[in-house]
Protein backbone atom coordinates (compact mmCIF):
# COMPACT_ATOMS: atom_id res chain seq x y z
CA MET A 1 -0.42 -0.38 -0.17
CA ASN A 2 1.02 3.74 -0.41
CA PRO A 3 2.97 5.07 2.05
CA SER A 4 0.33 8.34 1.97
CA LEU A 5 -1.90 6.62 2.29
CA SER A 6 -1.55 6.32 6.01
CA THR A 7 -2.70 9.98 6.77
CA VAL A 8 -6.58 8.70 5.11
CA PRO A 9 -8.33 8.22 7.70
CA ASN A 10 -10.91 4.97 7.17
CA SER A 11 -10.59 1.16 7.92
CA LEU A 12 -12.45 0.37 4.80
CA LEU A 13 -9.84 1.86 2.36
CA PRO A 14 -7.22 -1.34 2.32
CA THR A 15 -10.78 -3.55 2.24
CA VAL A 16 -11.67 -1.64 -1.21
CA LEU A 17 -7.62 -1.61 -2.46
CA ASN A 18 -7.63 -5.32 -1.39
CA ALA A 19 -10.95 -6.29 -3.90
CA LEU A 20 -10.00 -3.60 -6.62
CA GLU A 21 -6.31 -5.63 -7.01
CA ASP A 22 -8.30 -9.64 -6.80
CA ILE A 23 -10.31 -8.05 -10.21
CA LYS A 24 -6.85 -6.73 -11.65
CA ALA A 25 -7.89 -2.68 -11.58
CA LYS A 26 -5.02 -0.54 -13.00
CA ASN A 27 -3.70 2.59 -11.65
CA ILE A 28 -5.30 3.09 -9.21
CA GLU A 29 -5.19 6.20 -6.74
CA VAL A 30 -6.12 7.41 -3.78
CA LEU A 31 -7.09 11.03 -2.79
CA ASP A 32 -7.66 12.13 -0.25
CA VAL A 33 -10.64 15.14 -0.13
CA ARG A 34 -11.11 16.11 2.86
CA ALA A 35 -9.47 19.60 2.86
CA LEU A 36 -12.23 19.63 -0.14
CA THR A 37 -15.51 18.27 0.57
CA SER A 38 -17.23 17.61 3.77
CA LEU A 39 -19.18 14.63 1.18
CA PHE A 40 -16.93 12.03 1.55
CA ASP A 41 -13.43 11.32 2.76
CA THR A 42 -11.47 9.33 0.00
CA LEU A 43 -12.29 8.86 -3.16
CA VAL A 44 -10.16 6.07 -5.15
CA ILE A 45 -10.25 5.78 -8.73
CA ALA A 46 -9.74 3.03 -11.19
CA SER A 47 -9.35 2.07 -14.71
CA ALA A 48 -10.56 -1.00 -15.89
CA ASP A 49 -10.45 -2.66 -19.33
CA SER A 50 -14.00 -3.54 -20.38
CA THR A 51 -17.48 -2.90 -19.24
CA ARG A 52 -17.57 -6.46 -17.86
CA GLN A 53 -14.39 -5.70 -15.54
CA THR A 54 -15.96 -2.62 -14.32
CA ARG A 55 -18.92 -4.26 -13.45
CA ALA A 56 -17.11 -6.69 -11.80
CA LEU A 57 -14.95 -4.34 -10.11
CA ALA A 58 -17.93 -2.68 -8.84
CA HIS A 59 -19.67 -6.22 -7.35
CA HIS A 60 -16.40 -7.38 -5.96
CA VAL A 61 -16.01 -3.94 -3.91
CA ALA A 62 -19.43 -4.39 -3.35
CA ASP A 63 -19.12 -7.99 -1.76
CA GLU A 64 -16.03 -7.53 0.54
CA VAL A 65 -17.07 -4.39 1.93
CA ARG A 66 -20.58 -6.31 2.76
CA ASN A 67 -18.44 -9.12 4.07
CA ALA A 68 -16.06 -6.85 6.13
CA GLY A 69 -19.63 -5.76 8.00
CA LYS A 70 -19.93 -2.02 5.76
CA LYS A 71 -22.84 -1.08 4.07
CA VAL A 72 -23.36 -0.56 0.01
CA LEU A 73 -25.04 3.01 -0.53
CA SER A 74 -25.39 2.43 -3.74
CA MET A 75 -23.92 1.96 -7.16
CA GLU A 76 -24.10 3.93 -10.20
CA GLY A 77 -23.28 3.54 -13.86
CA LEU A 78 -24.03 -0.64 -14.09
CA GLN A 79 -26.15 -0.74 -17.09
CA SER A 80 -23.72 1.16 -19.03
CA GLY A 81 -20.47 -0.04 -16.79
CA GLU A 82 -18.06 2.68 -18.57
CA TRP A 83 -18.31 4.45 -15.90
CA ILE A 84 -19.27 2.89 -12.45
CA LEU A 85 -19.22 5.22 -9.49
CA VAL A 86 -19.11 2.64 -6.30
CA ASP A 87 -20.77 5.03 -2.89
CA LEU A 88 -19.70 3.50 0.64
CA GLY A 89 -20.29 6.89 2.85
CA SER A 90 -16.81 8.39 3.79
CA ILE A 91 -15.29 6.35 0.45
CA ILE A 92 -16.33 7.32 -2.78
CA VAL A 93 -14.94 4.32 -5.68
CA HIS A 94 -14.74 5.02 -9.45
CA LEU A 95 -14.49 2.62 -12.18
CA MET A 96 -13.85 3.92 -15.46
CA GLN A 97 -12.88 2.55 -18.80
CA PRO A 98 -9.82 4.64 -20.02
CA MET A 99 -10.96 6.55 -22.41
CA ILE A 100 -13.60 7.58 -20.09
CA ARG A 101 -11.58 8.47 -17.07
CA ASP A 102 -8.69 10.34 -19.10
CA TYR A 103 -11.59 12.43 -20.55
CA TYR A 104 -12.97 13.68 -17.32
CA ASP A 105 -9.83 13.36 -15.75
CA LEU A 106 -10.97 13.24 -12.34
CA SER A 107 -7.60 13.08 -10.72
CA SER A 108 -6.68 16.50 -11.57
CA LEU A 109 -10.50 18.63 -10.84
CA TRP A 110 -9.65 16.67 -7.22
CA LYS A 111 -5.80 17.12 -6.52
CA GLY A 112 -5.53 20.79 -8.75
CA PRO A 113 -5.74 24.37 -7.36
CA LEU A 114 -8.93 23.77 -5.71
CA ARG A 115 -10.12 25.60 -2.54
CA PRO A 116 -12.61 24.24 0.20
CA ALA A 117 -15.90 26.22 -0.39
CA SER A 118 -15.14 27.80 3.32
CA LEU A 119 -11.54 29.72 2.32
CA ILE A 120 -13.26 30.79 -1.34
CA ALA A 121 -16.88 32.01 0.79
CA GLN A 122 -13.86 33.93 3.14
CA ASP A 123 -12.63 35.45 0.17
CA LEU A 124 -15.93 36.17 -1.58
CA ALA A 125 -17.02 37.87 2.11
CA PRO A 126 -17.38 41.54 2.10
């Protein structure tokens, strides 16, 4: 596991990462977004080679999370399989085919020069 992940306070993260590795997800990224949003703590973004693999990854992550005694809040995108979102509450998992991942570039969006809404509000205050 990436040493920088030790700063992400989520006991479910190893379960998610192991599930992704089991089904051979590619280019797995973990982003700590606590400073950017209060909706969730961690984004996990991974690539898959086919719609069949994205669906398999989503179902395997969900199964492993349930086996760990945790809840899967929702899964979106299973029908098309090009981009599937698995909502685990404090962790959001994005499973994408490479072309979709390159196009939307979520990694840059969340790592980029974003600032927490509270700091933006302070800048806008009179």
